């Protein structure tokens, strides 16, 4: 299989388009993605703005042998894994119950086939 080949996937199951858990899952995941993006963008923007406006003041030494600029970059670097862990936990709490309901939904109405 080449990189440019289409990935085979399971055909959509009939009857799940109107399933209430599908819409709840879509809304919950959209809300969580927006929060994750907002947090990471806000911290990145704040560090960038401080770096552009503070100039040489970012080289101010702090106790412990680091500078103000290093502290700000450390804050930004710590925000990314912290927000990723938060996002994972939030998905488990808010999205997984809806995904479990969809996974247990039958393939069709009255066909007797259940997803393995």
C-alpha atoms as a PDB file:
ATOM      1  CA  UNK A   1       0.000   0.000   0.000  1.00  0.00           C
ATOM      2  CA  UNK A   2       1.377   3.363  -0.998  1.00  0.00           C
ATOM      3  CA  UNK A   3       1.136   6.548   1.025  1.00  0.00           C
ATOM      4  CA  UNK A   4      -1.269   7.981  -1.541  1.00  0.00           C
ATOM      5  CA  UNK A   5      -3.695   5.030  -1.590  1.00  0.00           C
ATOM      6  CA  UNK A   6      -7.021   5.483   0.096  1.00  0.00           C
ATOM      7  CA  UNK A   7      -7.320   3.816   3.452  1.00  0.00           C
ATOM      8  CA  UNK A   8     -10.019   1.147   3.447  1.00  0.00           C
ATOM      9  CA  UNK A   9     -12.571   1.747   6.143  1.00  0.00           C
ATOM     10  CA  UNK A  10     -15.715   0.243   7.446  1.00  0.00           C
ATOM     11  CA  UNK A  11     -18.831   1.450   5.614  1.00  0.00           C
ATOM     12  CA  UNK A  12     -21.071   3.653   7.724  1.00  0.00           C
ATOM     13  CA  UNK A  13     -23.647   1.753   9.693  1.00  0.00           C
ATOM     14  CA  UNK A  14     -27.245   2.529   8.797  1.00  0.00           C
ATOM     15  CA  UNK A  15     -29.324   4.112  11.489  1.00  0.00           C
ATOM     16  CA  UNK A  16     -26.478   5.825  13.392  1.00  0.00           C
ATOM     17  CA  UNK A  17     -26.693   9.179  11.612  1.00  0.00           C
ATOM     18  CA  UNK A  18     -29.691  10.194  13.657  1.00  0.00           C
ATOM     19  CA  UNK A  19     -28.499   8.550  16.865  1.00  0.00           C
ATOM     20  CA  UNK A  20     -28.603  11.040  19.765  1.00  0.00           C
ATOM     21  CA  UNK A  21     -25.228   9.880  21.124  1.00  0.00           C
ATOM     22  CA  UNK A  22     -23.588  10.708  17.809  1.00  0.00           C
ATOM     23  CA  UNK A  23     -24.587  14.353  18.048  1.00  0.00           C
ATOM     24  CA  UNK A  24     -23.665  14.526  21.739  1.00  0.00           C
ATOM     25  CA  UNK A  25     -20.269  13.017  20.942  1.00  0.00           C
ATOM     26  CA  UNK A  26     -19.719  15.523  18.144  1.00  0.00           C
ATOM     27  CA  UNK A  27     -20.647  18.467  20.373  1.00  0.00           C
ATOM     28  CA  UNK A  28     -18.538  17.289  23.316  1.00  0.00           C
ATOM     29  CA  UNK A  29     -15.455  16.665  21.183  1.00  0.00           C
ATOM     30  CA  UNK A  30     -15.829  20.023  19.409  1.00  0.00           C
ATOM     31  CA  UNK A  31     -16.101  21.846  22.740  1.00  0.00           C
ATOM     32  CA  UNK A  32     -13.028  20.068  24.133  1.00  0.00           C
ATOM     33  CA  UNK A  33     -10.968  20.737  20.991  1.00  0.00           C
ATOM     34  CA  UNK A  34     -11.833  24.426  21.163  1.00  0.00           C
ATOM     35  CA  UNK A  35     -10.761  24.608  24.798  1.00  0.00           C
ATOM     36  CA  UNK A  36      -7.491  22.831  24.065  1.00  0.00           C
ATOM     37  CA  UNK A  37      -6.758  25.147  21.161  1.00  0.00           C
ATOM     38  CA  UNK A  38      -7.697  28.235  23.187  1.00  0.00           C
ATOM     39  CA  UNK A  39      -5.403  27.339  26.094  1.00  0.00           C
ATOM     40  CA  UNK A  40      -2.397  26.517  23.920  1.00  0.00           C
ATOM     41  CA  UNK A  41      -2.931  29.501  21.629  1.00  0.00           C
ATOM     42  CA  UNK A  42      -3.364  31.897  24.555  1.00  0.00           C
ATOM     43  CA  UNK A  43      -0.137  30.782  26.230  1.00  0.00           C
ATOM     44  CA  UNK A  44       1.778  30.859  22.935  1.00  0.00           C
ATOM     45  CA  UNK A  45       0.410  34.283  22.087  1.00  0.00           C
ATOM     46  CA  UNK A  46       1.205  35.634  25.561  1.00  0.00           C
ATOM     47  CA  UNK A  47       4.791  34.389  25.385  1.00  0.00           C
ATOM     48  CA  UNK A  48       5.191  35.810  21.871  1.00  0.00           C
ATOM     49  CA  UNK A  49       3.786  39.188  22.873  1.00  0.00           C
ATOM     50  CA  UNK A  50       5.978  39.347  25.959  1.00  0.00           C
ATOM     51  CA  UNK A  51       9.020  38.396  23.907  1.00  0.00           C
ATOM     52  CA  UNK A  52       8.328  41.095  21.335  1.00  0.00           C
ATOM     53  CA  UNK A  53       7.564  43.844  23.841  1.00  0.00           C
ATOM     54  CA  UNK A  54       9.976  43.037  26.669  1.00  0.00           C
ATOM     55  CA  UNK A  55      13.050  42.750  24.464  1.00  0.00           C
ATOM     56  CA  UNK A  56      16.242  42.599  26.518  1.00  0.00           C
ATOM     57  CA  UNK A  57      14.317  42.428  29.806  1.00  0.00           C
ATOM     58  CA  UNK A  58      13.739  38.751  29.118  1.00  0.00           C
ATOM     59  CA  UNK A  59      17.445  38.271  29.784  1.00  0.00           C
ATOM     60  CA  UNK A  60      16.943  39.374  33.403  1.00  0.00           C
ATOM     61  CA  UNK A  61      18.523  36.732  35.633  1.00  0.00           C
ATOM     62  CA  UNK A  62      16.276  35.066  38.189  1.00  0.00           C
ATOM     63  CA  UNK A  63      17.268  33.134  41.295  1.00  0.00           C
ATOM     64  CA  UNK A  64      18.306  29.637  40.341  1.00  0.00           C
ATOM     65  CA  UNK A  65      20.407  30.525  37.319  1.00  0.00           C
ATOM     66  CA  UNK A  66      17.680  30.944  34.706  1.00  0.00           C
ATOM     67  CA  UNK A  67      16.363  34.025  32.976  1.00  0.00           C
ATOM     68  CA  UNK A  68      12.866  35.441  32.655  1.00  0.00           C
ATOM     69  CA  UNK A  69      12.728  34.307  29.021  1.00  0.00           C
ATOM     70  CA  UNK A  70      13.660  30.751  29.996  1.00  0.00           C
ATOM     71  CA  UNK A  71      10.937  30.776  32.620  1.00  0.00           C
ATOM     72  CA  UNK A  72       8.340  31.909  30.057  1.00  0.00           C
ATOM     73  CA  UNK A  73       9.406  29.260  27.551  1.00  0.00           C
ATOM     74  CA  UNK A  74       9.314  26.639  30.297  1.00  0.00           C
ATOM     75  CA  UNK A  75       5.764  27.720  31.075  1.00  0.00           C
ATOM     76  CA  UNK A  76       4.822  27.334  27.418  1.00  0.00           C
ATOM     77  CA  UNK A  77       6.564  23.965  27.165  1.00  0.00           C
ATOM     78  CA  UNK A  78       4.792  22.727  30.298  1.00  0.00           C
ATOM     79  CA  UNK A  79       1.407  23.890  29.032  1.00  0.00           C
ATOM     80  CA  UNK A  80       1.413  21.582  26.015  1.00  0.00           C
ATOM     81  CA  UNK A  81       1.762  18.230  27.857  1.00  0.00           C
ATOM     82  CA  UNK A  82      -0.449  19.442  30.715  1.00  0.00           C
ATOM     83  CA  UNK A  83      -3.224  20.418  28.304  1.00  0.00           C
ATOM     84  CA  UNK A  84      -2.787  17.134  26.411  1.00  0.00           C
ATOM     85  CA  UNK A  85      -3.253  15.186  29.657  1.00  0.00           C
ATOM     86  CA  UNK A  86      -6.275  17.332  30.518  1.00  0.00           C
ATOM     87  CA  UNK A  87      -7.727  16.743  27.042  1.00  0.00           C
ATOM     88  CA  UNK A  88      -7.247  12.983  27.365  1.00  0.00           C
ATOM     89  CA  UNK A  89      -8.947  12.923  30.755  1.00  0.00           C
ATOM     90  CA  UNK A  90     -11.783  15.144  29.551  1.00  0.00           C
ATOM     91  CA  UNK A  91     -12.340  12.929  26.499  1.00  0.00           C
ATOM     92  CA  UNK A  92     -12.548   9.870  28.742  1.00  0.00           C
ATOM     93  CA  UNK A  93     -15.157  11.575  30.916  1.00  0.00           C
ATOM     94  CA  UNK A  94     -17.224  13.431  28.311  1.00  0.00           C
ATOM     95  CA  UNK A  95     -16.769  11.629  24.970  1.00  0.00           C
ATOM     96  CA  UNK A  96     -16.170   7.962  25.799  1.00  0.00           C
ATOM     97  CA  UNK A  97     -19.639   7.285  27.256  1.00  0.00           C
ATOM     98  CA  UNK A  98     -21.242   8.499  24.001  1.00  0.00           C
ATOM     99  CA  UNK A  99     -18.747   6.519  21.918  1.00  0.00           C
ATOM    100  CA  UNK A 100     -19.510   3.390  23.954  1.00  0.00           C
ATOM    101  CA  UNK A 101     -23.220   3.789  23.249  1.00  0.00           C
ATOM    102  CA  UNK A 102     -22.480   4.099  19.533  1.00  0.00           C
ATOM    103  CA  UNK A 103     -20.163   1.076  19.612  1.00  0.00           C
ATOM    104  CA  UNK A 104     -22.898  -1.033  21.185  1.00  0.00           C
ATOM    105  CA  UNK A 105     -25.483   0.102  18.628  1.00  0.00           C
ATOM    106  CA  UNK A 106     -26.476  -2.573  16.126  1.00  0.00           C
ATOM    107  CA  UNK A 107     -25.494  -2.408  12.464  1.00  0.00           C
ATOM    108  CA  UNK A 108     -29.029  -2.030  11.311  1.00  0.00           C
ATOM    109  CA  UNK A 109     -32.543  -2.057  12.609  1.00  0.00           C
ATOM    110  CA  UNK A 110     -33.738  -5.638  13.079  1.00  0.00           C
ATOM    111  CA  UNK A 111     -30.908  -7.316  11.154  1.00  0.00           C
ATOM    112  CA  UNK A 112     -29.582  -9.181  14.177  1.00  0.00           C
ATOM    113  CA  UNK A 113     -26.003  -8.182  13.365  1.00  0.00           C
ATOM    114  CA  UNK A 114     -24.106  -6.654  16.240  1.00  0.00           C
ATOM    115  CA  UNK A 115     -20.702  -5.059  15.981  1.00  0.00           C
ATOM    116  CA  UNK A 116     -18.012  -7.381  17.353  1.00  0.00           C
END
